[in-house]
Each structure stands twice: as C-alpha cells, then as structure tokens.
Amino acid sequence: MEEMVSLGGDLGLYAEEMEPGTHAMWGNYPQALTHLALISAADILASSARRAQARSPL
C-alpha cells in the first residue's frame, strides 16, 4: 500500500495508465476509478487489521 501511495504525482493523483518498469504516468489526470480503488483497498486493509487486533489476546 505504501508503494502505491508513493507512486502518485505531486498532488497524489494517478493517471489513466502507468508504465510498469519505470512507473511513469501516462494519460489524463485524475482518474476517479483509480482513486476509488485505492481508497477501497485502504479500507479493506484497515478492516482486516482491526479484525486481527480484535482476535489477538491482550
């Protein structure tokens, strides 16, 4: 997750496409679906971490 967040441009925006080798951003900015997917992934990871913490003994 940290790597994906670090790949955003100066304003944290993502383009339509990204070159896998160089991580160069191609296309138009911003792309709502890319940002929505990132937010969704962050929410899933946070929920998973909360569930794991709730199950762990103190």
C-alpha atoms as a PDB file:
ATOM      1  CA  MET A   1       0.000   0.000   0.000  1.00  0.00           C
ATOM      2  CA  GLU A   2       2.805   2.398   0.854  1.00  0.00           C
ATOM      3  CA  GLU A   3       4.399   1.788  -2.546  1.00  0.00           C
ATOM      4  CA  MET A   4       1.179   2.544  -4.409  1.00  0.00           C
ATOM      5  CA  VAL A   5       0.576   5.726  -2.430  1.00  0.00           C
ATOM      6  CA  SER A   6       4.148   6.852  -3.120  1.00  0.00           C
ATOM      7  CA  LEU A   7       3.606   6.481  -6.884  1.00  0.00           C
ATOM      8  CA  GLY A   8       1.035   9.279  -7.004  1.00  0.00           C
ATOM      9  CA  GLY A   9       2.108  12.568  -8.571  1.00  0.00           C
ATOM     10  CA  ASP A  10       2.902  15.782  -6.683  1.00  0.00           C
ATOM     11  CA  LEU A  11      -0.758  16.116  -5.685  1.00  0.00           C
ATOM     12  CA  GLY A  12      -1.200  12.397  -5.010  1.00  0.00           C
ATOM     13  CA  LEU A  13      -3.099  11.894  -8.259  1.00  0.00           C
ATOM     14  CA  TYR A  14      -2.853   8.928 -10.614  1.00  0.00           C
ATOM     15  CA  ALA A  15      -3.087   8.915 -14.406  1.00  0.00           C
ATOM     16  CA  GLU A  16      -5.024   6.533 -16.641  1.00  0.00           C
ATOM     17  CA  GLU A  17      -2.037   4.250 -17.113  1.00  0.00           C
ATOM     18  CA  MET A  18       1.344   3.570 -15.551  1.00  0.00           C
ATOM     19  CA  GLU A  19       4.448   2.073 -17.171  1.00  0.00           C
ATOM     20  CA  PRO A  20       5.210  -0.998 -15.011  1.00  0.00           C
ATOM     21  CA  GLY A  21       9.001  -0.766 -15.309  1.00  0.00           C
ATOM     22  CA  THR A  22       9.541   2.963 -14.764  1.00  0.00           C
ATOM     23  CA  HIS A  23       6.255   3.845 -13.028  1.00  0.00           C
ATOM     24  CA  ALA A  24       5.872   6.752 -15.471  1.00  0.00           C
ATOM     25  CA  MET A  25       2.298   8.038 -15.544  1.00  0.00           C
ATOM     26  CA  TRP A  26       0.611   8.193 -18.945  1.00  0.00           C
ATOM     27  CA  GLY A  27      -2.736   9.638 -19.953  1.00  0.00           C
ATOM     28  CA  ASN A  28      -5.173  12.012 -18.343  1.00  0.00           C
ATOM     29  CA  TYR A  29      -5.349  13.091 -14.699  1.00  0.00           C
ATOM     30  CA  PRO A  30      -7.228  12.470 -12.403  1.00  0.00           C
ATOM     31  CA  GLN A  31      -8.888   9.117 -12.784  1.00  0.00           C
ATOM     32  CA  ALA A  32     -11.728   8.612 -10.328  1.00  0.00           C
ATOM     33  CA  LEU A  33     -11.800   4.812 -10.645  1.00  0.00           C
ATOM     34  CA  THR A  34      -8.108   4.516  -9.787  1.00  0.00           C
ATOM     35  CA  HIS A  35      -8.557   6.705  -6.735  1.00  0.00           C
ATOM     36  CA  LEU A  36     -11.693   4.824  -5.681  1.00  0.00           C
ATOM     37  CA  ALA A  37      -9.824   1.510  -5.951  1.00  0.00           C
ATOM     38  CA  LEU A  38      -7.002   2.887  -3.772  1.00  0.00           C
ATOM     39  CA  ILE A  39      -9.475   4.102  -1.141  1.00  0.00           C
ATOM     40  CA  SER A  40     -11.287   0.754  -1.245  1.00  0.00           C
ATOM     41  CA  ALA A  41      -8.012  -1.153  -0.794  1.00  0.00           C
ATOM     42  CA  ALA A  42      -7.065   1.058   2.160  1.00  0.00           C
ATOM     43  CA  ASP A  43     -10.466   0.436   3.760  1.00  0.00           C
ATOM     44  CA  ILE A  44     -10.135  -3.342   3.293  1.00  0.00           C
ATOM     45  CA  LEU A  45      -6.647  -3.346   4.809  1.00  0.00           C
ATOM     46  CA  ALA A  46      -7.793  -1.229   7.767  1.00  0.00           C
ATOM     47  CA  SER A  47     -10.797  -3.500   8.380  1.00  0.00           C
ATOM     48  CA  SER A  48      -8.576  -6.568   8.233  1.00  0.00           C
ATOM     49  CA  ALA A  49      -6.136  -5.035  10.704  1.00  0.00           C
ATOM     50  CA  ARG A  50      -8.982  -4.154  13.103  1.00  0.00           C
ATOM     51  CA  ARG A  51     -10.348  -7.723  12.940  1.00  0.00           C
ATOM     52  CA  ALA A  52      -6.887  -9.184  13.560  1.00  0.00           C
ATOM     53  CA  GLN A  53      -6.364  -6.858  16.509  1.00  0.00           C
ATOM     54  CA  ALA A  54      -9.736  -7.800  17.980  1.00  0.00           C
ATOM     55  CA  ARG A  55      -8.874 -11.507  17.783  1.00  0.00           C
ATOM     56  CA  SER A  56      -5.420 -11.210  19.323  1.00  0.00           C
ATOM     57  CA  PRO A  57      -5.149 -11.837  23.070  1.00  0.00           C
ATOM     58  CA  LEU A  58      -4.027  -8.934  25.221  1.00  0.00           C
END
